[in-house]
Protein backbone atom coordinates (compact mmCIF):
# COMPACT_ATOMS: atom_id res chain seq x y z
CA MET A 1 -10.35 -9.73 -3.27
CA ILE A 2 -7.61 -7.31 -2.27
CA ALA A 3 -8.09 -4.95 -5.24
CA LYS A 4 -11.74 -4.32 -4.32
CA LYS A 5 -10.83 -3.65 -0.69
CA ILE A 6 -8.21 -1.06 -1.62
CA LYS A 7 -10.47 0.62 -4.20
CA LYS A 8 -13.34 0.84 -1.70
CA THR A 9 -11.01 2.42 0.86
CA ALA A 10 -9.55 4.87 -1.70
CA PHE A 11 -12.94 6.03 -2.95
CA LYS A 12 -14.16 6.75 0.60
CA LYS A 13 -11.85 9.77 0.70
CA GLN A 14 -11.45 10.81 -2.91
CA LYS A 15 -9.71 14.11 -2.17
CA GLU A 16 -6.90 12.68 -0.04
CA GLU A 17 -4.41 9.87 -0.09
CA VAL A 18 -5.49 6.91 1.99
CA CYS A 19 -2.90 4.49 3.26
CA GLY A 20 -2.34 1.28 5.14
CA PHE A 21 -0.97 -2.20 4.95
CA ILE A 22 -1.67 -5.34 2.97
CA CYS A 23 -1.42 -8.39 5.21
CA PHE A 24 -1.90 -12.09 4.56
CA GLU A 25 -3.88 -13.98 7.22
CA ASN A 26 -5.86 -17.23 7.10
CA GLY A 27 -5.21 -17.77 3.40
CA GLU A 28 -6.32 -14.36 2.17
CA PHE A 29 -5.16 -10.79 1.80
CA ASN A 30 -6.64 -8.11 4.01
CA ILE A 31 -5.93 -4.47 4.48
CA VAL A 32 -5.24 -2.56 7.66
CA GLU A 33 -6.13 1.05 6.97
CA VAL A 34 -4.25 3.60 9.06
CA GLU A 35 -4.65 7.34 9.41
CA ASN A 36 -2.71 9.44 6.95
CA MET A 37 -0.62 11.66 9.21
CA ALA A 38 0.63 13.99 6.43
CA GLU A 39 -0.06 17.71 6.62
CA ASP A 40 -1.18 17.85 2.97
CA LYS A 41 -3.23 14.67 2.60
CA SER A 42 -4.24 15.60 -0.96
CA SER A 43 -0.74 14.97 -2.32
CA GLU A 44 1.20 12.89 0.21
CA PHE A 45 0.88 10.28 2.89
CA TYR A 46 2.73 9.57 6.09
CA ILE A 47 2.38 6.49 8.28
CA SER A 48 3.72 6.76 11.80
CA ALA A 49 6.61 4.51 12.77
CA LYS A 50 4.49 3.23 15.66
CA SER A 51 1.72 2.05 13.26
CA PHE A 52 4.27 0.47 10.94
CA LEU A 53 6.08 -1.42 13.71
CA TYR A 54 2.87 -2.54 15.42
CA THR A 55 1.45 -3.91 12.16
CA LYS A 56 4.75 -5.58 11.23
CA GLN A 57 5.02 -7.29 14.61
CA ASN A 58 1.40 -8.43 14.82
CA ASN A 59 0.56 -9.37 11.22
CA ASN A 60 2.03 -11.10 8.21
CA LEU A 61 2.87 -7.81 6.48
CA VAL A 62 3.16 -8.09 2.70
CA ALA A 63 3.08 -4.47 1.48
CA VAL A 64 2.31 -0.83 2.21
CA PHE A 65 -0.43 0.75 0.09
CA HIS A 66 -1.63 4.24 -0.63
CA SER A 67 -3.82 5.98 -3.16
CA HIS A 68 -3.28 8.83 -5.58
CA PRO A 69 -6.56 10.75 -5.69
CA SER A 70 -5.78 12.79 -8.81
CA GLY A 71 -2.52 11.49 -10.28
CA ASN A 72 -1.58 8.28 -12.00
CA GLU A 73 -0.49 5.05 -10.33
CA GLU A 74 3.24 5.64 -10.71
CA LEU A 75 5.29 5.66 -7.52
CA SER A 76 7.30 8.76 -6.68
CA LYS A 77 11.03 8.66 -6.05
CA TYR A 78 10.21 9.16 -2.35
CA ASP A 79 7.82 6.16 -2.38
CA LYS A 80 10.59 3.99 -3.84
CA THR A 81 13.12 5.28 -1.31
CA CYS A 82 10.75 4.42 1.56
CA SER A 83 10.12 0.98 0.09
CA GLU A 84 13.87 0.34 -0.13
CA ALA A 85 14.41 1.61 3.44
CA THR A 86 11.72 -0.67 4.91
CA CYS A 87 12.38 -3.66 2.59
CA ILE A 88 8.62 -3.82 2.02
CA PRO A 89 6.87 -3.50 -1.37
CA PHE A 90 4.76 -0.40 -1.96
CA VAL A 91 1.45 -0.49 -3.84
CA VAL A 92 -0.22 2.58 -5.34
CA PHE A 93 -3.80 2.78 -6.56
CA SER A 94 -4.86 5.71 -8.76
CA ASN A 95 -8.43 6.90 -8.27
CA LYS A 96 -8.09 8.66 -11.64
CA THR A 97 -6.91 5.72 -13.82
CA GLY A 98 -8.30 2.84 -11.71
CA LYS A 99 -4.93 1.07 -11.98
CA PHE A 100 -2.39 -0.32 -9.53
CA SER A 101 1.39 -0.15 -9.50
CA VAL A 102 3.67 -2.32 -7.35
CA TYR A 103 7.27 -1.53 -6.46
CA GLU A 104 9.49 -4.26 -5.05
CA PRO A 105 12.64 -3.18 -3.21
CA GLU A 106 15.95 -4.92 -3.88
CA PHE A 107 15.92 -6.63 -0.49
CA LEU A 108 12.64 -8.09 0.76
CA ASP A 109 11.38 -8.59 4.29
CA THR A 110 8.34 -10.50 3.04
CA GLU A 111 7.80 -13.74 1.15
CA LYS A 112 8.31 -13.48 -2.61
CA LYS A 113 5.49 -15.97 -3.27
CA LEU A 114 3.05 -13.73 -1.37
CA ILE A 115 4.13 -10.72 -3.41
CA GLU A 116 3.51 -12.63 -6.64
CA LYS A 117 0.10 -13.80 -5.39
CA MET A 118 -0.78 -10.24 -4.37
CA LYS A 119 0.24 -8.89 -7.78
CA GLU A 120 -1.94 -11.50 -9.51
CA GLU A 121 -4.95 -10.45 -7.44
CA LEU A 122 -4.34 -6.76 -8.08
CA CYS A 123 -4.21 -7.33 -11.85
CA GLN A 124 -7.48 -9.30 -12.08
């Protein structure tokens, strides 16, 4: 289950934002965790363009995820801007509230049915 995988990853590093990708392969969702390249990992995340492009070209990329170690699950204006720029949904998990939030950009470069399936799994 994708929610458990993201939570497990987020709780490994509770003082910093973890990040990566949600991909759909062989009938199930998996995550590809990548290094957070931000200077201040406690309050922001940065994924290199190289990691993003490699994952997009070699996987069925559904969404980008990251955690909020101390804040709520709401996406920042910057998160939404990045989602819109990449045409990929962004998912945030809050270590504090234990909840997820999903932002879908206006234009999508992923299958809508996979986004809906992902959202169902995150809300279980």
